[in-house]
């Protein structure tokens, strides 16, 4: 086998792992009130689309998860409730981390910059209009 084949397998394995982690976090987020679920489901679909057609198909065919992914891919956006939950959960978790785990100004500035970039990304995505 060539190096490209090994790299491709390694990348697929990494995508499978990341997809699995995101899927678990997404499912937790769909039931936990302060954890974003939609963002992690979208990330899981992204990773599985590049690593496993079968698992990607399971997500797309799921009655609750599939519409979230399909709406986002079709450019319809992320529901406002999902955006608000994601931003709230991110701000809460980053604040908690900065208060109890991150020591020093440089680490806290880095956390604020990363958090702000993620929040900007979430807010800048199209918002799905409610069904009439």
C-alpha atoms as a PDB file:
ATOM      1  CA  UNK A   1       0.000   0.000   0.000  1.00  0.00           C
ATOM      2  CA  UNK A   2       1.101   3.521  -0.665  1.00  0.00           C
ATOM      3  CA  UNK A   3       1.465   6.284   1.886  1.00  0.00           C
ATOM      4  CA  UNK A   4      -1.651   7.970   0.449  1.00  0.00           C
ATOM      5  CA  UNK A   5      -3.776   4.901   1.191  1.00  0.00           C
ATOM      6  CA  UNK A   6      -2.492   4.750   4.778  1.00  0.00           C
ATOM      7  CA  UNK A   7      -3.056   8.491   5.231  1.00  0.00           C
ATOM      8  CA  UNK A   8      -6.534   8.128   3.776  1.00  0.00           C
ATOM      9  CA  UNK A   9      -7.355   5.281   6.176  1.00  0.00           C
ATOM     10  CA  UNK A  10      -5.947   7.228   9.105  1.00  0.00           C
ATOM     11  CA  UNK A  11      -7.964  10.305   8.148  1.00  0.00           C
ATOM     12  CA  UNK A  12     -11.131   8.223   7.776  1.00  0.00           C
ATOM     13  CA  UNK A  13     -10.482   6.714  11.195  1.00  0.00           C
ATOM     14  CA  UNK A  14      -9.986  10.160  12.690  1.00  0.00           C
ATOM     15  CA  UNK A  15     -13.205  11.380  11.047  1.00  0.00           C
ATOM     16  CA  UNK A  16     -15.072   8.341  12.409  1.00  0.00           C
ATOM     17  CA  UNK A  17     -13.761   9.040  15.910  1.00  0.00           C
ATOM     18  CA  UNK A  18     -14.620  12.750  15.729  1.00  0.00           C
ATOM     19  CA  UNK A  19     -18.022  11.931  14.264  1.00  0.00           C
ATOM     20  CA  UNK A  20     -18.748   9.509  17.101  1.00  0.00           C
ATOM     21  CA  UNK A  21     -17.711  12.003  19.769  1.00  0.00           C
ATOM     22  CA  UNK A  22     -19.805  14.755  18.151  1.00  0.00           C
ATOM     23  CA  UNK A  23     -22.800  12.437  17.800  1.00  0.00           C
ATOM     24  CA  UNK A  24     -22.689  11.487  21.489  1.00  0.00           C
ATOM     25  CA  UNK A  25     -22.330  15.156  22.503  1.00  0.00           C
ATOM     26  CA  UNK A  26     -25.141  16.085  20.120  1.00  0.00           C
ATOM     27  CA  UNK A  27     -27.516  13.512  21.549  1.00  0.00           C
ATOM     28  CA  UNK A  28     -26.673  14.650  25.081  1.00  0.00           C
ATOM     29  CA  UNK A  29     -27.244  18.223  23.938  1.00  0.00           C
ATOM     30  CA  UNK A  30     -30.679  17.421  22.569  1.00  0.00           C
ATOM     31  CA  UNK A  31     -31.842  16.331  26.026  1.00  0.00           C
ATOM     32  CA  UNK A  32     -29.668  18.490  28.321  1.00  0.00           C
ATOM     33  CA  UNK A  33     -30.941  22.051  28.634  1.00  0.00           C
ATOM     34  CA  UNK A  34     -27.554  23.807  28.725  1.00  0.00           C
ATOM     35  CA  UNK A  35     -25.670  21.871  26.061  1.00  0.00           C
ATOM     36  CA  UNK A  36     -25.954  22.589  22.348  1.00  0.00           C
ATOM     37  CA  UNK A  37     -27.148  19.572  20.395  1.00  0.00           C
ATOM     38  CA  UNK A  38     -27.694  20.827  16.869  1.00  0.00           C
ATOM     39  CA  UNK A  39     -24.157  22.089  16.361  1.00  0.00           C
ATOM     40  CA  UNK A  40     -22.691  18.728  17.385  1.00  0.00           C
ATOM     41  CA  UNK A  41     -25.160  16.811  15.191  1.00  0.00           C
ATOM     42  CA  UNK A  42     -24.112  18.960  12.216  1.00  0.00           C
ATOM     43  CA  UNK A  43     -20.453  18.302  12.985  1.00  0.00           C
ATOM     44  CA  UNK A  44     -21.118  14.569  13.324  1.00  0.00           C
ATOM     45  CA  UNK A  45     -22.827  14.541   9.918  1.00  0.00           C
ATOM     46  CA  UNK A  46     -19.856  16.421   8.433  1.00  0.00           C
ATOM     47  CA  UNK A  47     -17.367  13.870   9.776  1.00  0.00           C
ATOM     48  CA  UNK A  48     -19.473  10.814   8.915  1.00  0.00           C
ATOM     49  CA  UNK A  49     -20.083  12.081   5.369  1.00  0.00           C
ATOM     50  CA  UNK A  50     -16.301  11.859   4.934  1.00  0.00           C
ATOM     51  CA  UNK A  51     -15.787   8.544   6.696  1.00  0.00           C
ATOM     52  CA  UNK A  52     -18.863   6.304   6.647  1.00  0.00           C
ATOM     53  CA  UNK A  53     -21.737   6.485   4.186  1.00  0.00           C
ATOM     54  CA  UNK A  54     -23.637   3.968   6.311  1.00  0.00           C
ATOM     55  CA  UNK A  55     -23.491   6.006   9.540  1.00  0.00           C
ATOM     56  CA  UNK A  56     -24.141   9.232   7.630  1.00  0.00           C
ATOM     57  CA  UNK A  57     -27.224   7.554   6.137  1.00  0.00           C
ATOM     58  CA  UNK A  58     -28.443   6.573   9.603  1.00  0.00           C
ATOM     59  CA  UNK A  59     -28.235  10.216  10.702  1.00  0.00           C
ATOM     60  CA  UNK A  60     -29.948  11.521   7.559  1.00  0.00           C
ATOM     61  CA  UNK A  61     -32.711   8.904   7.823  1.00  0.00           C
ATOM     62  CA  UNK A  62     -33.326   9.563  11.522  1.00  0.00           C
ATOM     63  CA  UNK A  63     -36.691  11.299  12.030  1.00  0.00           C
ATOM     64  CA  UNK A  64     -35.320  13.894  14.488  1.00  0.00           C
ATOM     65  CA  UNK A  65     -31.689  14.327  13.412  1.00  0.00           C
ATOM     66  CA  UNK A  66     -32.109  14.057   9.646  1.00  0.00           C
ATOM     67  CA  UNK A  67     -34.200  17.206   9.175  1.00  0.00           C
ATOM     68  CA  UNK A  68     -31.668  19.296  11.137  1.00  0.00           C
ATOM     69  CA  UNK A  69     -28.829  18.200   8.876  1.00  0.00           C
ATOM     70  CA  UNK A  70     -30.831  18.403   5.656  1.00  0.00           C
ATOM     71  CA  UNK A  71     -32.152  21.890   6.452  1.00  0.00           C
ATOM     72  CA  UNK A  72     -28.646  23.138   7.195  1.00  0.00           C
ATOM     73  CA  UNK A  73     -27.183  21.544   4.060  1.00  0.00           C
ATOM     74  CA  UNK A  74     -29.991  23.026   1.966  1.00  0.00           C
ATOM     75  CA  UNK A  75     -29.101  26.488   3.245  1.00  0.00           C
ATOM     76  CA  UNK A  76     -32.227  26.840   5.376  1.00  0.00           C
ATOM     77  CA  UNK A  77     -30.131  27.461   8.466  1.00  0.00           C
ATOM     78  CA  UNK A  78     -30.116  26.573  12.135  1.00  0.00           C
ATOM     79  CA  UNK A  79     -33.232  27.052  14.279  1.00  0.00           C
ATOM     80  CA  UNK A  80     -33.081  30.116  16.542  1.00  0.00           C
ATOM     81  CA  UNK A  81     -33.639  27.974  19.640  1.00  0.00           C
ATOM     82  CA  UNK A  82     -30.582  25.885  18.724  1.00  0.00           C
ATOM     83  CA  UNK A  83     -28.472  29.002  18.208  1.00  0.00           C
ATOM     84  CA  UNK A  84     -29.518  30.518  21.542  1.00  0.00           C
ATOM     85  CA  UNK A  85     -28.877  27.244  23.375  1.00  0.00           C
ATOM     86  CA  UNK A  86     -25.476  26.816  21.733  1.00  0.00           C
ATOM     87  CA  UNK A  87     -24.338  30.343  22.540  1.00  0.00           C
ATOM     88  CA  UNK A  88     -25.621  30.118  26.125  1.00  0.00           C
ATOM     89  CA  UNK A  89     -23.980  26.726  26.715  1.00  0.00           C
ATOM     90  CA  UNK A  90     -20.714  27.867  25.185  1.00  0.00           C
ATOM     91  CA  UNK A  91     -20.605  31.051  27.256  1.00  0.00           C
ATOM     92  CA  UNK A  92     -21.462  29.110  30.422  1.00  0.00           C
ATOM     93  CA  UNK A  93     -18.878  26.366  29.859  1.00  0.00           C
ATOM     94  CA  UNK A  94     -16.112  28.797  28.861  1.00  0.00           C
ATOM     95  CA  UNK A  95     -16.873  31.005  31.869  1.00  0.00           C
ATOM     96  CA  UNK A  96     -16.762  27.991  34.171  1.00  0.00           C
ATOM     97  CA  UNK A  97     -13.479  26.814  32.651  1.00  0.00           C
ATOM     98  CA  UNK A  98     -11.899  30.250  32.888  1.00  0.00           C
ATOM     99  CA  UNK A  99     -12.997  30.639  36.501  1.00  0.00           C
ATOM    100  CA  UNK A 100     -11.889  27.261  37.827  1.00  0.00           C
ATOM    101  CA  UNK A 101      -9.289  25.798  35.455  1.00  0.00           C
ATOM    102  CA  UNK A 102      -7.533  28.432  33.372  1.00  0.00           C
ATOM    103  CA  UNK A 103      -4.893  30.373  35.244  1.00  0.00           C
ATOM    104  CA  UNK A 104      -3.160  33.417  33.869  1.00  0.00           C
ATOM    105  CA  UNK A 105      -4.153  36.244  31.603  1.00  0.00           C
ATOM    106  CA  UNK A 106      -2.862  34.674  28.376  1.00  0.00           C
ATOM    107  CA  UNK A 107      -4.997  31.548  28.820  1.00  0.00           C
ATOM    108  CA  UNK A 108      -8.084  33.555  29.612  1.00  0.00           C
ATOM    109  CA  UNK A 109      -7.560  35.886  26.656  1.00  0.00           C
ATOM    110  CA  UNK A 110      -7.153  32.827  24.422  1.00  0.00           C
ATOM    111  CA  UNK A 111     -10.381  31.319  25.798  1.00  0.00           C
ATOM    112  CA  UNK A 112     -12.282  34.559  25.192  1.00  0.00           C
ATOM    113  CA  UNK A 113     -10.931  34.778  21.631  1.00  0.00           C
ATOM    114  CA  UNK A 114     -11.815  31.159  20.846  1.00  0.00           C
ATOM    115  CA  UNK A 115     -15.256  31.484  22.434  1.00  0.00           C
ATOM    116  CA  UNK A 116     -15.969  34.712  20.573  1.00  0.00           C
ATOM    117  CA  UNK A 117     -14.935  33.126  17.260  1.00  0.00           C
ATOM    118  CA  UNK A 118     -17.212  30.128  17.818  1.00  0.00           C
ATOM    119  CA  UNK A 119     -20.119  32.323  18.883  1.00  0.00           C
ATOM    120  CA  UNK A 120     -19.592  34.554  15.837  1.00  0.00           C
ATOM    121  CA  UNK A 121     -19.653  31.478  13.592  1.00  0.00           C
ATOM    122  CA  UNK A 122     -22.877  30.154  15.128  1.00  0.00           C
ATOM    123  CA  UNK A 123     -24.627  33.536  15.023  1.00  0.00           C
ATOM    124  CA  UNK A 124     -23.469  34.246  11.465  1.00  0.00           C
ATOM    125  CA  UNK A 125     -25.035  31.054  10.078  1.00  0.00           C
ATOM    126  CA  UNK A 126     -28.444  31.483   8.479  1.00  0.00           C
ATOM    127  CA  UNK A 127     -31.383  31.199  10.874  1.00  0.00           C
ATOM    128  CA  UNK A 128     -34.085  28.767   9.871  1.00  0.00           C
ATOM    129  CA  UNK A 129     -37.448  30.438   9.608  1.00  0.00           C
ATOM    130  CA  UNK A 130     -40.174  28.816  11.718  1.00  0.00           C
ATOM    131  CA  UNK A 131     -42.731  26.743   9.804  1.00  0.00           C
ATOM    132  CA  UNK A 132     -45.946  28.647   9.286  1.00  0.00           C
END
